[in-house]
Amino acid sequence: MKGKEQLLTSTTYARLSKECETPFPSPSFNNEKLWIMVTGSLGHNYRESAPSNRFDASSSGETCGFGVCMMSSTWKDGQDPSFIGFISSFLNANSFRLNFVPIAPDFIFNCGGLSIAFMFVTNWDCSVTTPVFSRVKILKQQFANLYVVVTLPTMEQNDSFNSSYFRHGMELGRPSFVPVLDLEMGFEKIVKISLALGVCKQQNVISKLKAEGMDAFLRVVTSIPGIDSHDANALNQAIGSIEAIAKASKEFILENTDLSADKAETIIKFFRDPKFYLSPRIIR
């Protein structure tokens, strides 16, 4: 079983690293039984202390801001009111708005333009495990981002979960399972996962926008007669924006790039000489 434990753990970390385009450190487990699907850099092992009322996203660079948490009305009705109160307070402290709605998963978080679905198994019954995994198989077909948080306070429940996971033919990392020792810890993990993935989504969007901006820059600058992609990249690195290039002098271009005097002169004319840039003739 130890080989499978290591494989499951490695698979989850590889998956999150790919999703966030950031390598996550491998986990270190003090108890080899508490192994399955601990997620990302959100904690290498079970916490020994009680959960705080607020997760400080800024301490790890996570600045997703506020989001929306949708809780299943059915799931809510099956929980102790005091735990629902804890959830409400914890979400409020982390700038999430809570809505109670009839949804298939137990939670859906919208954060950073990304939707993440969660199953939260708060009472693992060692004698009745099939319904849990049957529901997991249904939900993973419906939600691209699905995580399953399971409360396993005893070693007996942990062993039961481990054996049931493989017996029901779960695919490694699809979805990711997050075992926890208590309810509060479980919900804290849910919020941390949502915040971390929301930030990853924002970073990916920003990177995409930057890439698209660079494509537009290259299209504009290489439209200048005689200027190729190498020249455009040199101008971008040495001078910056198209506006800055348009304002740069011939001498400044020659001093800070490897462009020839003829190319520098062409750039000056392109941006400043109406007879040049309004001419229908294309200079090659």
Protein backbone atom coordinates (compact mmCIF):
# COMPACT_ATOMS: atom_id res chain seq x y z
CA MET A 1 0.00 0.00 0.00
CA LYS A 2 2.87 2.37 0.64
CA GLY A 3 3.71 2.59 -3.06
CA LYS A 4 0.12 3.54 -3.88
CA GLU A 5 0.15 6.16 -1.13
CA GLN A 6 3.25 7.82 -2.56
CA LEU A 7 1.81 7.66 -6.09
CA LEU A 8 -1.45 9.30 -5.05
CA THR A 9 0.32 12.07 -3.20
CA SER A 10 2.73 12.76 -6.07
CA THR A 11 -0.12 12.77 -8.59
CA THR A 12 -2.05 15.41 -6.69
CA TYR A 13 0.95 17.72 -6.36
CA ALA A 14 1.80 17.31 -10.04
CA ARG A 15 -1.78 18.15 -10.98
CA LEU A 16 -1.88 21.36 -8.94
CA SER A 17 1.53 22.42 -10.19
CA LYS A 18 0.24 22.04 -13.76
CA GLU A 19 -2.99 23.92 -13.01
CA CYS A 20 -1.21 26.83 -11.36
CA GLU A 21 1.93 26.72 -13.50
CA THR A 22 3.85 26.83 -10.21
CA PRO A 23 5.80 23.92 -8.71
CA PHE A 24 4.41 22.92 -5.33
CA PRO A 25 6.66 21.41 -2.68
CA SER A 26 6.18 17.75 -1.93
CA PRO A 27 4.35 16.93 1.30
CA SER A 28 5.95 15.48 4.39
CA PHE A 29 3.75 13.17 6.43
CA ASN A 30 4.47 12.31 10.03
CA ASN A 31 1.83 9.56 9.90
CA GLU A 32 1.99 7.37 6.81
CA LYS A 33 -1.71 6.56 7.21
CA LEU A 34 -2.69 10.19 6.73
CA TRP A 35 -1.60 10.40 3.15
CA ILE A 36 -4.20 10.73 0.48
CA MET A 37 -4.59 13.82 -1.65
CA VAL A 38 -3.39 16.65 0.59
CA THR A 39 -3.66 19.56 -1.78
CA GLY A 40 -1.02 21.94 -3.16
CA SER A 41 1.08 24.14 -0.91
CA LEU A 42 -1.92 24.62 1.34
CA GLY A 43 -0.40 22.61 4.17
CA HIS A 44 1.99 19.70 4.14
CA ASN A 45 0.21 17.74 6.82
CA TYR A 46 -2.66 17.81 9.26
CA ARG A 47 -2.61 20.86 11.49
CA GLU A 48 -2.03 20.23 15.15
CA SER A 49 -3.58 23.46 16.36
CA ALA A 50 -7.17 24.66 16.08
CA PRO A 51 -8.03 26.58 12.90
CA SER A 52 -7.82 30.34 12.97
CA ASN A 53 -10.90 32.35 12.05
CA ARG A 54 -9.14 33.94 9.10
CA PHE A 55 -6.86 32.66 6.39
CA ASP A 56 -4.27 35.32 5.60
CA ALA A 57 -4.09 35.05 1.82
CA SER A 58 -1.61 37.91 1.56
CA SER A 59 1.02 35.95 3.46
CA SER A 60 1.35 33.55 0.52
CA GLY A 61 0.79 36.05 -2.23
CA GLU A 62 -2.87 35.11 -2.58
CA THR A 63 -4.88 38.27 -3.11
CA CYS A 64 -7.96 36.94 -4.82
CA GLY A 65 -10.24 39.33 -2.95
CA PHE A 66 -13.85 38.52 -2.25
CA GLY A 67 -15.84 35.76 -3.91
CA VAL A 68 -19.09 33.86 -3.63
CA CYS A 69 -19.71 30.60 -1.77
CA MET A 70 -22.82 28.64 -2.68
CA MET A 71 -23.82 26.02 -0.12
CA SER A 72 -26.19 23.17 -0.88
CA SER A 73 -29.45 23.59 1.01
CA THR A 74 -29.65 19.81 1.41
CA TRP A 75 -26.13 19.61 2.84
CA LYS A 76 -26.87 22.52 5.20
CA ASP A 77 -29.95 20.77 6.62
CA GLY A 78 -27.82 17.77 7.58
CA GLN A 79 -25.29 19.76 9.62
CA ASP A 80 -25.23 21.06 13.17
CA PRO A 81 -26.35 24.73 13.30
CA SER A 82 -23.22 25.67 15.22
CA PHE A 83 -21.04 24.42 12.36
CA ILE A 84 -23.07 26.42 9.85
CA GLY A 85 -22.48 29.43 12.10
CA PHE A 86 -18.74 28.76 12.03
CA ILE A 87 -18.81 28.55 8.23
CA SER A 88 -20.72 31.81 7.94
CA SER A 89 -18.26 33.62 10.21
CA PHE A 90 -15.22 32.15 8.50
CA LEU A 91 -16.48 33.15 5.05
CA ASN A 92 -17.31 36.65 6.23
CA ALA A 93 -13.80 37.03 7.67
CA ASN A 94 -12.37 36.03 4.28
CA SER A 95 -14.67 38.34 2.28
CA PHE A 96 -16.88 35.64 0.78
CA ARG A 97 -20.60 36.06 0.32
CA LEU A 98 -22.62 32.98 1.35
CA ASN A 99 -25.72 31.83 -0.53
CA PHE A 100 -27.88 28.77 0.19
CA VAL A 101 -29.00 27.16 -3.07
CA PRO A 102 -30.15 23.75 -4.38
CA ILE A 103 -26.97 22.50 -6.07
CA ALA A 104 -25.57 19.02 -6.76
CA PRO A 105 -22.22 19.39 -4.93
CA ASP A 106 -22.08 20.52 -1.32
CA PHE A 107 -20.29 23.77 -2.19
CA ILE A 108 -19.42 25.81 -5.25
CA PHE A 109 -16.91 28.63 -4.82
CA ASN A 110 -16.58 31.38 -7.42
CA CYS A 111 -13.20 33.04 -6.93
CA GLY A 112 -10.95 34.87 -9.34
CA GLY A 113 -13.21 34.02 -12.27
CA LEU A 114 -13.03 30.30 -11.52
CA SER A 115 -15.71 27.93 -10.19
CA ILE A 116 -14.60 25.14 -7.85
CA ALA A 117 -16.98 22.44 -6.64
CA PHE A 118 -16.59 20.54 -3.36
CA MET A 119 -18.02 17.47 -1.73
CA PHE A 120 -17.65 17.69 2.03
CA VAL A 121 -18.13 14.34 3.77
CA THR A 122 -18.51 15.28 7.42
CA ASN A 123 -19.37 11.82 8.79
CA TRP A 124 -17.50 8.89 7.24
CA ASP A 125 -19.49 5.68 7.78
CA CYS A 126 -17.15 2.71 7.47
CA SER A 127 -20.06 0.36 6.73
CA VAL A 128 -21.63 2.47 3.96
CA THR A 129 -19.01 3.78 1.52
CA THR A 130 -20.44 3.01 -1.92
CA PRO A 131 -22.89 5.97 -2.03
CA VAL A 132 -20.02 8.41 -1.43
CA PHE A 133 -17.92 7.17 -4.32
CA SER A 134 -20.94 6.78 -6.60
CA ARG A 135 -21.71 10.45 -6.03
CA VAL A 136 -18.08 11.39 -6.65
CA LYS A 137 -18.16 9.62 -10.03
CA ILE A 138 -21.29 11.55 -11.03
CA LEU A 139 -20.00 14.94 -9.92
CA LYS A 140 -16.61 14.60 -11.58
CA GLN A 141 -18.40 14.28 -14.91
CA GLN A 142 -20.22 17.55 -14.24
CA PHE A 143 -17.47 19.74 -12.77
CA ALA A 144 -13.99 20.28 -14.15
CA ASN A 145 -12.72 21.50 -10.76
CA LEU A 146 -13.94 19.08 -8.09
CA TYR A 147 -12.39 18.36 -4.69
CA VAL A 148 -13.61 15.92 -2.08
CA VAL A 149 -12.95 16.76 1.57
CA VAL A 150 -13.42 13.86 3.97
CA THR A 151 -13.41 14.07 7.77
CA LEU A 152 -11.49 11.10 9.21
CA PRO A 153 -10.94 11.66 12.94
CA THR A 154 -10.13 8.03 13.79
CA MET A 155 -7.59 5.55 12.46
CA GLU A 156 -10.39 3.08 11.76
CA GLN A 157 -12.13 5.60 9.49
CA ASN A 158 -8.85 6.47 7.80
CA ASP A 159 -8.10 2.80 7.05
CA SER A 160 -11.65 2.30 5.81
CA PHE A 161 -11.34 5.26 3.47
CA ASN A 162 -7.98 4.13 2.09
CA SER A 163 -9.21 0.65 1.23
CA SER A 164 -12.52 1.95 -0.14
CA TYR A 165 -10.76 4.43 -2.41
CA PHE A 166 -9.00 1.67 -4.34
CA ARG A 167 -11.88 -0.79 -4.13
CA HIS A 168 -14.19 1.65 -5.91
CA GLY A 169 -11.72 2.25 -8.73
CA MET A 170 -10.99 5.93 -8.22
CA GLU A 171 -8.72 7.51 -10.82
CA LEU A 172 -5.60 9.07 -9.34
CA GLY A 173 -6.11 12.79 -8.77
CA ARG A 174 -9.48 12.87 -10.57
CA PRO A 175 -10.84 14.23 -8.37
CA SER A 176 -8.45 15.12 -5.58
CA PHE A 177 -9.36 13.96 -2.09
CA VAL A 178 -8.42 15.99 0.99
CA PRO A 179 -8.54 14.11 4.33
CA VAL A 180 -8.92 16.15 7.51
CA LEU A 181 -9.22 15.44 11.23
CA ASP A 182 -12.16 17.72 12.05
CA LEU A 183 -14.94 19.77 10.48
CA GLU A 184 -13.40 23.20 11.00
CA MET A 185 -10.11 22.09 9.48
CA GLY A 186 -12.01 20.68 6.53
CA PHE A 187 -13.78 23.91 5.74
CA GLU A 188 -10.60 25.91 6.21
CA LYS A 189 -8.98 23.67 3.56
CA ILE A 190 -11.90 24.31 1.22
CA VAL A 191 -11.45 28.08 1.48
CA LYS A 192 -7.68 27.84 1.04
CA ILE A 193 -8.03 25.68 -2.07
CA SER A 194 -10.56 28.13 -3.53
CA LEU A 195 -8.35 31.14 -2.85
CA ALA A 196 -5.22 29.45 -4.23
CA LEU A 197 -6.90 28.28 -7.44
CA GLY A 198 -8.58 31.66 -7.86
CA VAL A 199 -5.20 33.37 -7.72
CA CYS A 200 -3.76 30.85 -10.22
CA LYS A 201 -6.63 31.65 -12.58
CA GLN A 202 -5.99 35.40 -12.25
CA GLN A 203 -2.28 34.94 -12.88
CA ASN A 204 -3.00 32.85 -15.99
CA VAL A 205 -5.37 35.52 -17.31
CA ILE A 206 -2.77 38.25 -16.71
CA SER A 207 -0.10 36.16 -18.45
CA LYS A 208 -2.43 35.60 -21.40
CA LEU A 209 -3.21 39.30 -21.65
CA LYS A 210 0.51 40.11 -21.59
CA ALA A 211 1.13 37.54 -24.34
CA GLU A 212 -1.69 38.98 -26.44
CA GLY A 213 -0.32 42.47 -25.83
CA MET A 214 3.09 41.38 -27.08
CA ASP A 215 1.52 39.86 -30.20
CA ALA A 216 -0.19 43.16 -30.94
CA PHE A 217 3.09 45.03 -30.35
CA LEU A 218 4.93 42.78 -32.80
CA ARG A 219 2.21 43.18 -35.44
CA VAL A 220 2.39 46.96 -35.23
CA VAL A 221 6.17 47.33 -35.14
CA THR A 222 6.86 44.74 -37.87
CA SER A 223 4.42 46.62 -40.09
CA ILE A 224 7.11 49.31 -40.33
CA PRO A 225 8.95 48.72 -43.64
CA GLY A 226 12.24 46.89 -43.09
CA ILE A 227 11.62 46.08 -39.40
CA ASP A 228 11.54 42.37 -38.54
CA SER A 229 10.70 40.45 -35.36
CA HIS A 230 14.27 40.67 -34.04
CA ASP A 231 14.21 44.45 -34.43
CA ALA A 232 10.78 44.66 -32.76
CA ASN A 233 11.95 42.62 -29.75
CA ALA A 234 15.07 44.76 -29.46
CA LEU A 235 12.94 47.92 -29.45
CA ASN A 236 10.59 46.43 -26.87
CA GLN A 237 13.42 45.48 -24.50
CA ALA A 238 15.38 48.72 -24.88
CA ILE A 239 12.60 51.30 -25.19
CA GLY A 240 9.31 49.66 -24.26
CA SER A 241 5.88 50.61 -25.55
CA ILE A 242 4.92 51.72 -29.05
CA GLU A 243 4.27 55.20 -27.66
CA ALA A 244 7.80 55.36 -26.23
CA ILE A 245 9.28 54.18 -29.53
CA ALA A 246 7.30 56.83 -31.40
CA LYS A 247 8.80 59.51 -29.14
CA ALA A 248 12.37 58.16 -29.18
CA SER A 249 15.05 60.01 -31.14
CA LYS A 250 17.17 58.39 -33.83
CA GLU A 251 20.23 58.77 -31.61
CA PHE A 252 18.49 57.05 -28.68
CA ILE A 253 17.46 54.11 -30.87
CA LEU A 254 21.00 53.70 -32.21
CA GLU A 255 22.54 53.91 -28.73
CA ASN A 256 20.23 51.36 -27.13
CA THR A 257 19.61 48.80 -29.90
CA ASP A 258 21.52 47.04 -32.64
CA LEU A 259 19.37 48.58 -35.38
CA SER A 260 21.10 50.21 -38.30
CA ALA A 261 20.95 53.93 -38.98
CA ASP A 262 18.66 53.30 -41.96
CA LYS A 263 16.19 51.34 -39.84
CA ALA A 264 16.24 53.97 -37.09
CA GLU A 265 15.55 56.64 -39.70
CA THR A 266 12.66 54.59 -41.08
CA ILE A 267 11.11 54.28 -37.61
CA ILE A 268 11.33 58.04 -37.08
CA LYS A 269 9.67 58.70 -40.43
CA PHE A 270 7.00 56.07 -39.83
CA PHE A 271 5.76 57.76 -36.67
CA ARG A 272 6.45 61.45 -37.46
CA ASP A 273 6.38 62.07 -41.21
CA PRO A 274 2.83 62.19 -42.65
CA LYS A 275 4.21 61.90 -46.17
CA PHE A 276 5.72 58.57 -45.14
CA TYR A 277 2.97 56.91 -43.13
CA LEU A 278 0.16 58.19 -45.36
CA SER A 279 1.87 57.07 -48.55
CA PRO A 280 0.17 54.11 -50.29
CA ARG A 281 3.53 52.85 -51.48
CA ILE A 282 4.98 49.98 -49.44
CA ILE A 283 8.73 50.19 -49.03
CA ARG A 284 10.46 46.81 -48.93
